[in-house]
N, C-alpha and C. Protein backbone atom coordinates (compact mmCIF):
# COMPACT_ATOMS: atom_id res chain seq x y z
N UNK A 1 -13.91 13.60 53.05
CA UNK A 1 -15.07 12.84 53.28
C UNK A 1 -16.54 13.55 52.90
N UNK A 2 -17.20 13.05 52.21
CA UNK A 2 -18.67 13.57 51.83
C UNK A 2 -19.56 13.43 53.18
N UNK A 3 -20.36 14.30 53.47
CA UNK A 3 -21.48 14.21 54.37
C UNK A 3 -22.82 13.51 53.89
N UNK A 4 -23.04 14.03 52.64
CA UNK A 4 -23.95 13.17 51.89
C UNK A 4 -23.60 12.80 50.38
N UNK A 5 -23.84 11.61 50.17
CA UNK A 5 -23.22 11.18 48.75
C UNK A 5 -24.23 10.34 48.21
N UNK A 6 -24.35 10.71 46.86
CA UNK A 6 -25.60 9.84 46.08
C UNK A 6 -24.61 9.42 44.76
N UNK A 7 -24.74 8.13 44.39
CA UNK A 7 -23.94 7.56 43.30
C UNK A 7 -24.85 6.90 42.32
N UNK A 8 -24.92 7.10 41.27
CA UNK A 8 -25.69 6.50 40.01
C UNK A 8 -27.07 6.08 40.31
N UNK A 9 -27.58 7.17 40.81
CA UNK A 9 -29.22 7.10 41.25
C UNK A 9 -30.15 7.36 40.36
N UNK A 10 -31.09 6.52 40.13
CA UNK A 10 -32.14 6.74 39.23
C UNK A 10 -33.54 6.22 39.74
N UNK A 11 -34.51 7.06 39.61
CA UNK A 11 -35.77 6.66 39.98
C UNK A 11 -36.58 6.36 38.94
N UNK A 12 -37.23 5.32 38.76
CA UNK A 12 -38.30 4.83 37.83
C UNK A 12 -39.64 4.50 38.16
N UNK A 13 -40.36 5.27 37.46
CA UNK A 13 -41.85 5.08 37.73
C UNK A 13 -42.54 4.26 36.67
N UNK A 14 -43.44 3.33 36.96
CA UNK A 14 -44.09 2.64 36.14
C UNK A 14 -45.48 2.88 35.82
N UNK A 15 -45.76 3.17 34.36
CA UNK A 15 -47.03 3.40 33.91
C UNK A 15 -47.35 2.26 32.72
N UNK A 16 -48.06 1.49 33.42
CA UNK A 16 -48.61 0.28 32.47
C UNK A 16 -47.35 -0.38 32.27
N UNK A 17 -47.24 -0.78 30.83
CA UNK A 17 -45.69 -1.53 30.48
C UNK A 17 -44.87 -0.57 30.13
N UNK A 18 -45.13 0.96 30.32
CA UNK A 18 -43.83 1.84 30.20
C UNK A 18 -43.26 2.18 31.45
N UNK A 19 -41.62 2.29 31.32
CA UNK A 19 -40.87 2.91 32.38
C UNK A 19 -40.60 4.19 32.23
N UNK A 20 -41.00 5.01 33.29
CA UNK A 20 -40.58 6.56 33.24
C UNK A 20 -39.55 6.64 33.97
N UNK A 21 -38.31 7.14 33.43
CA UNK A 21 -37.12 7.43 34.24
C UNK A 21 -37.08 8.98 34.56
N UNK A 22 -36.86 9.15 35.89
CA UNK A 22 -36.67 10.55 36.29
C UNK A 22 -35.25 10.76 37.07
N UNK A 23 -34.60 11.56 37.20
CA UNK A 23 -33.19 11.94 37.87
C UNK A 23 -32.42 10.62 37.36
N UNK A 24 -32.11 10.30 36.22
CA UNK A 24 -31.43 9.43 35.73
C UNK A 24 -29.89 9.58 35.99
N UNK A 25 -29.42 8.46 36.60
CA UNK A 25 -27.83 8.37 36.79
C UNK A 25 -27.34 9.73 37.59
N UNK A 26 -28.01 10.05 38.74
CA UNK A 26 -27.69 11.18 39.58
C UNK A 26 -26.33 11.07 40.40
N UNK A 27 -25.18 11.56 40.16
CA UNK A 27 -24.33 11.44 41.26
C UNK A 27 -23.73 12.81 41.77
N UNK A 28 -23.79 12.86 42.99
CA UNK A 28 -22.97 14.11 43.79
C UNK A 28 -22.67 13.80 44.94
N UNK A 29 -22.02 14.86 45.76
CA UNK A 29 -21.60 14.62 46.92
C UNK A 29 -21.76 16.02 47.69
N UNK A 30 -22.06 15.96 48.83
CA UNK A 30 -22.28 17.39 49.83
C UNK A 30 -21.46 17.15 50.88
N UNK A 31 -20.36 18.15 51.16
CA UNK A 31 -19.46 17.99 52.28
C UNK A 31 -20.09 18.79 53.36
N UNK A 32 -19.94 18.41 54.69
CA UNK A 32 -20.33 19.00 56.06
C UNK A 32 -20.33 20.67 55.81
N UNK A 33 -21.22 21.23 56.06
CA UNK A 33 -21.28 22.81 56.34
C UNK A 33 -21.37 23.31 54.88
N UNK A 34 -21.64 22.69 53.79
CA UNK A 34 -21.65 23.04 52.43
C UNK A 34 -23.16 23.51 52.16
N UNK A 35 -23.46 24.67 51.60
CA UNK A 35 -24.65 25.05 51.12
C UNK A 35 -24.86 24.46 49.96
N UNK A 36 -26.19 24.08 49.62
CA UNK A 36 -26.65 23.42 48.28
C UNK A 36 -27.74 23.75 47.88
N UNK A 37 -28.20 24.48 46.70
CA UNK A 37 -29.48 24.76 45.85
C UNK A 37 -29.68 23.78 44.94
N UNK A 38 -31.01 23.31 45.04
CA UNK A 38 -31.56 22.46 43.65
C UNK A 38 -32.55 23.21 42.78
N UNK A 39 -32.06 23.65 41.72
CA UNK A 39 -32.90 24.40 40.70
C UNK A 39 -33.24 23.50 39.48
N UNK A 40 -34.27 23.85 38.92
CA UNK A 40 -34.77 23.13 37.85
C UNK A 40 -36.19 23.63 37.47
N UNK A 41 -36.68 23.18 36.20
CA UNK A 41 -37.96 23.64 35.63
C UNK A 41 -39.06 22.66 36.23
N UNK A 42 -40.51 23.00 36.15
CA UNK A 42 -41.41 22.10 36.54
C UNK A 42 -41.30 20.88 36.11
N UNK A 43 -41.38 19.64 36.91
CA UNK A 43 -41.13 18.35 36.37
C UNK A 43 -39.76 17.97 36.17
N UNK A 44 -38.73 18.74 36.58
CA UNK A 44 -37.61 18.16 36.34
C UNK A 44 -37.13 17.11 37.42
N UNK A 45 -37.95 16.98 38.61
CA UNK A 45 -37.32 15.99 39.38
C UNK A 45 -36.96 16.29 40.65
N UNK A 46 -36.87 17.54 41.06
CA UNK A 46 -36.40 18.20 42.29
C UNK A 46 -37.08 17.77 43.37
N UNK A 47 -38.38 17.48 43.51
CA UNK A 47 -39.02 17.02 44.76
C UNK A 47 -38.67 15.44 44.75
N UNK A 48 -38.53 14.58 43.71
CA UNK A 48 -38.24 13.49 43.67
C UNK A 48 -37.00 13.03 44.30
N UNK A 49 -36.01 13.96 43.91
CA UNK A 49 -34.72 13.92 44.58
C UNK A 49 -34.76 14.10 46.07
N UNK A 50 -35.44 15.02 46.60
CA UNK A 50 -35.50 15.26 48.10
C UNK A 50 -36.25 14.22 48.55
N UNK A 51 -37.23 13.72 48.08
CA UNK A 51 -37.63 12.52 48.80
C UNK A 51 -36.95 11.26 48.96
N UNK A 52 -36.05 11.20 47.82
CA UNK A 52 -35.01 10.09 48.13
C UNK A 52 -34.03 10.44 49.02
N UNK A 53 -33.70 11.38 49.10
CA UNK A 53 -32.46 11.98 50.13
C UNK A 53 -33.14 11.75 51.55
N UNK A 54 -34.42 12.16 51.47
CA UNK A 54 -35.30 12.04 52.93
C UNK A 54 -35.45 10.71 53.42
N UNK A 55 -35.27 9.70 52.44
CA UNK A 55 -35.80 8.37 52.96
C UNK A 55 -34.43 7.71 53.21
N UNK A 56 -33.24 8.40 53.08
CA UNK A 56 -31.91 7.55 53.29
C UNK A 56 -31.68 7.31 54.85
């Protein structure tokens, strides 16, 4: 059983009439005791993902 699980998550920012999608359709699970590293280039959505997880 997953300790943390995220399914089909998408973050949408609104800019005027334009929708900006970040982290589109993210799905993963983390088991208890598992070590996880989040990598990506600048603007890839790493901080957005951590903010979503922090708000759970």
